[in-house]
Amino acid sequence: KQWYQRRVRGAQSDVEKQPSDPGYQTAPIATPVEEESSYVPSNYIKRVQALYRYTKASDDELTLPVGALVYVLQEHSDGWSEGFYNGQYGYFPANFTTDIR
């Protein structure tokens, strides 16, 4: 949790909230967001879909809307992945996504 808070400047994510917390929202099964880029990286290892919105906290991260389809290029042991979305490469929190076929 400490690394996560450092990355998003202390903001509490929906993942950390409990159902009894004010403002808690469950994530419905997301509808894929229309991708603006038709480019697909040839070296991707899997595709994931964003379950939660994520706004980048630094220039090397991706901003993901709910439902974004991301091509994962590398997974890291710290819970972050590198991916490609909407014509951009960057890091994103893996726990905000789910694997898709």
N, C-alpha and C. Protein backbone atom coordinates (compact mmCIF):
# COMPACT_ATOMS: atom_id res chain seq x y z
N LYS A 1 0.84 -1.19 0.00
CA LYS A 1 0.00 0.00 0.00
C LYS A 1 0.88 1.25 0.00
N GLN A 2 2.00 1.20 0.69
CA GLN A 2 2.86 2.38 0.76
C GLN A 2 3.34 2.81 -0.62
N TRP A 3 3.79 1.86 -1.46
CA TRP A 3 4.26 2.22 -2.79
C TRP A 3 3.12 2.82 -3.60
N TYR A 4 1.92 2.32 -3.42
CA TYR A 4 0.77 2.83 -4.17
C TYR A 4 0.49 4.27 -3.78
N GLN A 5 0.47 4.56 -2.48
CA GLN A 5 0.19 5.92 -2.03
C GLN A 5 1.25 6.89 -2.53
N ARG A 6 2.48 6.43 -2.58
CA ARG A 6 3.54 7.30 -3.08
C ARG A 6 3.31 7.61 -4.56
N ARG A 7 2.84 6.64 -5.34
CA ARG A 7 2.66 6.83 -6.78
C ARG A 7 1.48 7.74 -7.09
N VAL A 8 0.42 7.70 -6.29
CA VAL A 8 -0.75 8.53 -6.59
C VAL A 8 -0.91 9.68 -5.60
N ARG A 9 0.19 10.01 -4.97
CA ARG A 9 0.25 11.18 -4.09
C ARG A 9 -0.75 11.11 -2.93
N GLY A 10 -0.90 9.88 -2.37
CA GLY A 10 -1.69 9.73 -1.16
C GLY A 10 -3.18 9.56 -1.37
N ALA A 11 -3.67 9.54 -2.59
CA ALA A 11 -5.11 9.40 -2.81
C ALA A 11 -5.55 7.97 -2.49
N GLN A 12 -6.72 7.82 -1.90
CA GLN A 12 -7.26 6.50 -1.61
C GLN A 12 -7.99 6.00 -2.85
N SER A 13 -7.67 4.80 -3.29
CA SER A 13 -8.30 4.26 -4.50
C SER A 13 -9.59 3.54 -4.14
N ASP A 14 -10.44 3.31 -5.14
CA ASP A 14 -11.66 2.54 -4.93
C ASP A 14 -11.34 1.12 -4.50
N VAL A 15 -10.17 0.61 -4.89
CA VAL A 15 -9.79 -0.74 -4.52
C VAL A 15 -9.59 -0.85 -3.02
N GLU A 16 -9.11 0.19 -2.37
CA GLU A 16 -8.85 0.17 -0.94
C GLU A 16 -10.10 0.42 -0.10
N LYS A 17 -11.12 0.99 -0.69
CA LYS A 17 -12.33 1.30 0.06
C LYS A 17 -13.14 0.04 0.33
N GLN A 18 -13.89 0.09 1.39
CA GLN A 18 -14.76 -1.01 1.78
C GLN A 18 -16.20 -0.67 1.41
N PRO A 19 -17.08 -1.69 1.22
CA PRO A 19 -18.47 -1.41 0.87
C PRO A 19 -19.19 -0.48 1.85
N SER A 20 -18.75 -0.45 3.09
CA SER A 20 -19.40 0.42 4.07
C SER A 20 -18.91 1.87 4.01
N ASP A 21 -17.85 2.13 3.26
CA ASP A 21 -17.31 3.49 3.15
C ASP A 21 -18.21 4.38 2.30
N PRO A 22 -18.35 5.66 2.68
CA PRO A 22 -19.10 6.59 1.83
C PRO A 22 -18.43 6.71 0.47
N GLY A 23 -19.20 6.72 -0.56
CA GLY A 23 -18.66 6.88 -1.90
C GLY A 23 -18.15 5.60 -2.52
N TYR A 24 -18.29 4.47 -1.83
CA TYR A 24 -17.84 3.20 -2.39
C TYR A 24 -18.69 2.85 -3.60
N GLN A 25 -18.05 2.44 -4.67
CA GLN A 25 -18.78 2.04 -5.86
C GLN A 25 -18.23 0.71 -6.35
N THR A 26 -19.11 -0.20 -6.68
CA THR A 26 -18.65 -1.44 -7.29
C THR A 26 -18.40 -1.19 -8.76
N ALA A 27 -17.51 -1.94 -9.32
CA ALA A 27 -17.19 -1.78 -10.73
C ALA A 27 -18.02 -2.76 -11.55
N PRO A 28 -18.93 -2.25 -12.36
CA PRO A 28 -19.66 -3.14 -13.24
C PRO A 28 -18.71 -3.72 -14.28
N ILE A 29 -19.12 -4.79 -14.92
CA ILE A 29 -18.30 -5.30 -16.01
C ILE A 29 -18.20 -4.20 -17.04
N ALA A 30 -17.00 -3.81 -17.34
CA ALA A 30 -16.77 -2.64 -18.17
C ALA A 30 -17.03 -2.94 -19.64
N THR A 31 -17.54 -1.96 -20.32
CA THR A 31 -17.69 -2.02 -21.76
C THR A 31 -16.40 -1.48 -22.36
N PRO A 32 -15.81 -2.20 -23.31
CA PRO A 32 -14.55 -1.71 -23.88
C PRO A 32 -14.68 -0.30 -24.44
N VAL A 33 -13.68 0.51 -24.17
CA VAL A 33 -13.62 1.87 -24.69
C VAL A 33 -13.07 1.79 -26.10
N GLU A 34 -13.64 2.56 -26.99
CA GLU A 34 -13.16 2.58 -28.37
C GLU A 34 -11.72 3.06 -28.39
N GLU A 35 -10.85 2.28 -28.99
CA GLU A 35 -9.45 2.65 -29.07
C GLU A 35 -9.24 3.58 -30.27
N GLU A 36 -8.49 4.65 -30.06
CA GLU A 36 -8.26 5.61 -31.13
C GLU A 36 -7.17 5.15 -32.09
N SER A 37 -6.28 4.28 -31.64
CA SER A 37 -5.18 3.83 -32.47
C SER A 37 -5.45 2.41 -32.96
N SER A 38 -5.20 2.16 -34.23
CA SER A 38 -5.37 0.82 -34.76
C SER A 38 -4.07 0.03 -34.66
N TYR A 39 -2.99 0.65 -34.19
CA TYR A 39 -1.70 -0.02 -34.06
C TYR A 39 -1.75 -1.01 -32.90
N VAL A 40 -1.26 -2.21 -33.14
CA VAL A 40 -1.16 -3.23 -32.11
C VAL A 40 0.31 -3.63 -32.01
N PRO A 41 0.94 -3.45 -30.83
CA PRO A 41 2.34 -3.82 -30.71
C PRO A 41 2.52 -5.33 -30.89
N SER A 42 3.49 -5.74 -31.66
CA SER A 42 3.69 -7.17 -31.94
C SER A 42 4.27 -7.93 -30.75
N ASN A 43 4.85 -7.23 -29.79
CA ASN A 43 5.51 -7.88 -28.67
C ASN A 43 4.66 -7.90 -27.39
N TYR A 44 3.35 -7.74 -27.49
CA TYR A 44 2.54 -7.76 -26.27
C TYR A 44 2.37 -9.18 -25.76
N ILE A 45 2.25 -9.33 -24.42
CA ILE A 45 2.12 -10.65 -23.81
C ILE A 45 0.67 -11.01 -23.50
N LYS A 46 -0.17 -10.00 -23.31
CA LYS A 46 -1.60 -10.23 -23.09
C LYS A 46 -2.33 -8.91 -23.19
N ARG A 47 -3.67 -9.00 -23.21
CA ARG A 47 -4.51 -7.80 -23.17
C ARG A 47 -5.25 -7.78 -21.86
N VAL A 48 -5.43 -6.59 -21.34
CA VAL A 48 -6.20 -6.41 -20.11
C VAL A 48 -7.21 -5.29 -20.32
N GLN A 49 -8.21 -5.27 -19.45
CA GLN A 49 -9.23 -4.22 -19.51
C GLN A 49 -9.27 -3.51 -18.17
N ALA A 50 -9.33 -2.18 -18.21
CA ALA A 50 -9.36 -1.38 -16.99
C ALA A 50 -10.72 -1.52 -16.30
N LEU A 51 -10.69 -1.89 -15.03
CA LEU A 51 -11.90 -1.97 -14.22
C LEU A 51 -12.19 -0.67 -13.51
N TYR A 52 -11.15 0.13 -13.32
CA TYR A 52 -11.25 1.41 -12.62
C TYR A 52 -10.53 2.47 -13.43
N ARG A 53 -10.94 3.69 -13.27
CA ARG A 53 -10.25 4.81 -13.92
C ARG A 53 -8.93 5.05 -13.20
N TYR A 54 -7.90 5.33 -13.96
CA TYR A 54 -6.61 5.68 -13.38
C TYR A 54 -6.07 6.91 -14.10
N THR A 55 -5.71 7.91 -13.34
CA THR A 55 -5.11 9.13 -13.88
C THR A 55 -3.63 9.11 -13.55
N LYS A 56 -2.82 9.28 -14.57
CA LYS A 56 -1.37 9.19 -14.36
C LYS A 56 -0.88 10.25 -13.38
N ALA A 57 0.10 9.84 -12.58
CA ALA A 57 0.70 10.74 -11.60
C ALA A 57 2.06 11.24 -12.06
N SER A 58 2.59 10.63 -13.13
CA SER A 58 3.85 11.10 -13.70
C SER A 58 3.84 10.86 -15.20
N ASP A 59 4.79 11.46 -15.88
CA ASP A 59 4.82 11.41 -17.34
C ASP A 59 5.04 10.02 -17.92
N ASP A 60 5.60 9.09 -17.14
CA ASP A 60 5.86 7.75 -17.66
C ASP A 60 4.71 6.77 -17.41
N GLU A 61 3.55 7.27 -16.99
CA GLU A 61 2.38 6.43 -16.73
C GLU A 61 1.30 6.67 -17.78
N LEU A 62 0.34 5.74 -17.83
CA LEU A 62 -0.81 5.85 -18.71
C LEU A 62 -2.03 6.32 -17.94
N THR A 63 -2.87 7.14 -18.54
CA THR A 63 -4.19 7.46 -18.00
C THR A 63 -5.16 6.50 -18.66
N LEU A 64 -5.95 5.80 -17.84
CA LEU A 64 -6.88 4.79 -18.35
C LEU A 64 -8.30 5.08 -17.91
N PRO A 65 -9.24 5.17 -18.84
CA PRO A 65 -10.65 5.24 -18.46
C PRO A 65 -11.16 3.83 -18.16
N VAL A 66 -12.28 3.73 -17.47
CA VAL A 66 -12.90 2.43 -17.24
C VAL A 66 -13.20 1.81 -18.61
N GLY A 67 -12.83 0.55 -18.77
CA GLY A 67 -13.08 -0.17 -20.00
C GLY A 67 -11.95 -0.12 -21.01
N ALA A 68 -10.88 0.62 -20.72
CA ALA A 68 -9.76 0.72 -21.66
C ALA A 68 -9.15 -0.65 -21.91
N LEU A 69 -8.87 -0.95 -23.18
CA LEU A 69 -8.18 -2.19 -23.55
C LEU A 69 -6.71 -1.88 -23.71
N VAL A 70 -5.88 -2.51 -22.89
CA VAL A 70 -4.45 -2.21 -22.83
C VAL A 70 -3.66 -3.44 -23.26
N TYR A 71 -2.66 -3.23 -24.09
CA TYR A 71 -1.74 -4.29 -24.47
C TYR A 71 -0.58 -4.28 -23.48
N VAL A 72 -0.41 -5.37 -22.73
CA VAL A 72 0.64 -5.46 -21.72
C VAL A 72 1.93 -5.91 -22.38
N LEU A 73 2.98 -5.15 -22.15
CA LEU A 73 4.29 -5.46 -22.71
C LEU A 73 5.21 -6.11 -21.69
N GLN A 74 4.99 -5.77 -20.41
CA GLN A 74 5.82 -6.35 -19.35
C GLN A 74 5.09 -6.21 -18.03
N GLU A 75 5.22 -7.24 -17.17
CA GLU A 75 4.65 -7.19 -15.83
C GLU A 75 5.80 -7.12 -14.83
N HIS A 76 5.63 -6.31 -13.78
CA HIS A 76 6.66 -6.14 -12.78
C HIS A 76 6.20 -6.69 -11.43
N SER A 77 7.12 -7.11 -10.62
CA SER A 77 6.80 -7.73 -9.33
C SER A 77 6.23 -6.73 -8.32
N ASP A 78 6.34 -5.43 -8.58
CA ASP A 78 5.83 -4.43 -7.64
C ASP A 78 4.35 -4.10 -7.86
N GLY A 79 3.68 -4.84 -8.78
CA GLY A 79 2.26 -4.61 -9.01
C GLY A 79 1.95 -3.67 -10.15
N TRP A 80 2.98 -3.18 -10.84
CA TRP A 80 2.80 -2.30 -11.98
C TRP A 80 3.11 -3.06 -13.26
N SER A 81 2.49 -2.67 -14.33
CA SER A 81 2.74 -3.25 -15.64
C SER A 81 3.08 -2.14 -16.62
N GLU A 82 3.79 -2.51 -17.68
CA GLU A 82 4.05 -1.59 -18.78
C GLU A 82 3.12 -1.97 -19.92
N GLY A 83 2.51 -0.98 -20.54
CA GLY A 83 1.58 -1.30 -21.59
C GLY A 83 1.45 -0.21 -22.63
N PHE A 84 0.58 -0.51 -23.60
CA PHE A 84 0.31 0.40 -24.71
C PHE A 84 -1.19 0.61 -24.77
N TYR A 85 -1.60 1.88 -24.77
CA TYR A 85 -3.01 2.23 -24.88
C TYR A 85 -3.12 3.58 -25.59
N ASN A 86 -4.02 3.64 -26.54
CA ASN A 86 -4.36 4.91 -27.19
C ASN A 86 -3.12 5.62 -27.76
N GLY A 87 -2.23 4.83 -28.37
CA GLY A 87 -1.05 5.42 -29.00
C GLY A 87 0.08 5.79 -28.06
N GLN A 88 -0.01 5.40 -26.79
CA GLN A 88 1.01 5.77 -25.81
C GLN A 88 1.48 4.55 -25.03
N TYR A 89 2.77 4.57 -24.65
CA TYR A 89 3.36 3.56 -23.80
C TYR A 89 3.50 4.13 -22.41
N GLY A 90 3.34 3.27 -21.38
CA GLY A 90 3.55 3.74 -20.02
C GLY A 90 3.21 2.68 -18.99
N TYR A 91 3.40 3.05 -17.74
CA TYR A 91 3.11 2.17 -16.61
C TYR A 91 1.67 2.39 -16.14
N PHE A 92 1.09 1.34 -15.54
CA PHE A 92 -0.24 1.44 -14.95
C PHE A 92 -0.33 0.39 -13.83
N PRO A 93 -1.19 0.62 -12.82
CA PRO A 93 -1.33 -0.35 -11.73
C PRO A 93 -2.10 -1.58 -12.23
N ALA A 94 -1.47 -2.74 -12.15
CA ALA A 94 -2.07 -3.98 -12.66
C ALA A 94 -3.36 -4.33 -11.93
N ASN A 95 -3.48 -3.94 -10.66
CA ASN A 95 -4.69 -4.30 -9.90
C ASN A 95 -5.91 -3.46 -10.30
N PHE A 96 -5.74 -2.54 -11.22
CA PHE A 96 -6.87 -1.78 -11.76
C PHE A 96 -7.43 -2.45 -13.01
N THR A 97 -6.86 -3.59 -13.41
CA THR A 97 -7.23 -4.25 -14.66
C THR A 97 -7.57 -5.71 -14.46
N THR A 98 -8.17 -6.32 -15.47
CA THR A 98 -8.44 -7.75 -15.48
C THR A 98 -8.04 -8.30 -16.84
N ASP A 99 -7.58 -9.54 -16.86
CA ASP A 99 -7.19 -10.18 -18.12
C ASP A 99 -8.40 -10.40 -19.00
N ILE A 100 -8.22 -10.25 -20.29
CA ILE A 100 -9.28 -10.57 -21.26
C ILE A 100 -8.68 -11.45 -22.34
N ARG A 101 -9.53 -12.11 -23.06
CA ARG A 101 -9.05 -12.99 -24.14
C ARG A 101 -8.92 -12.24 -25.42
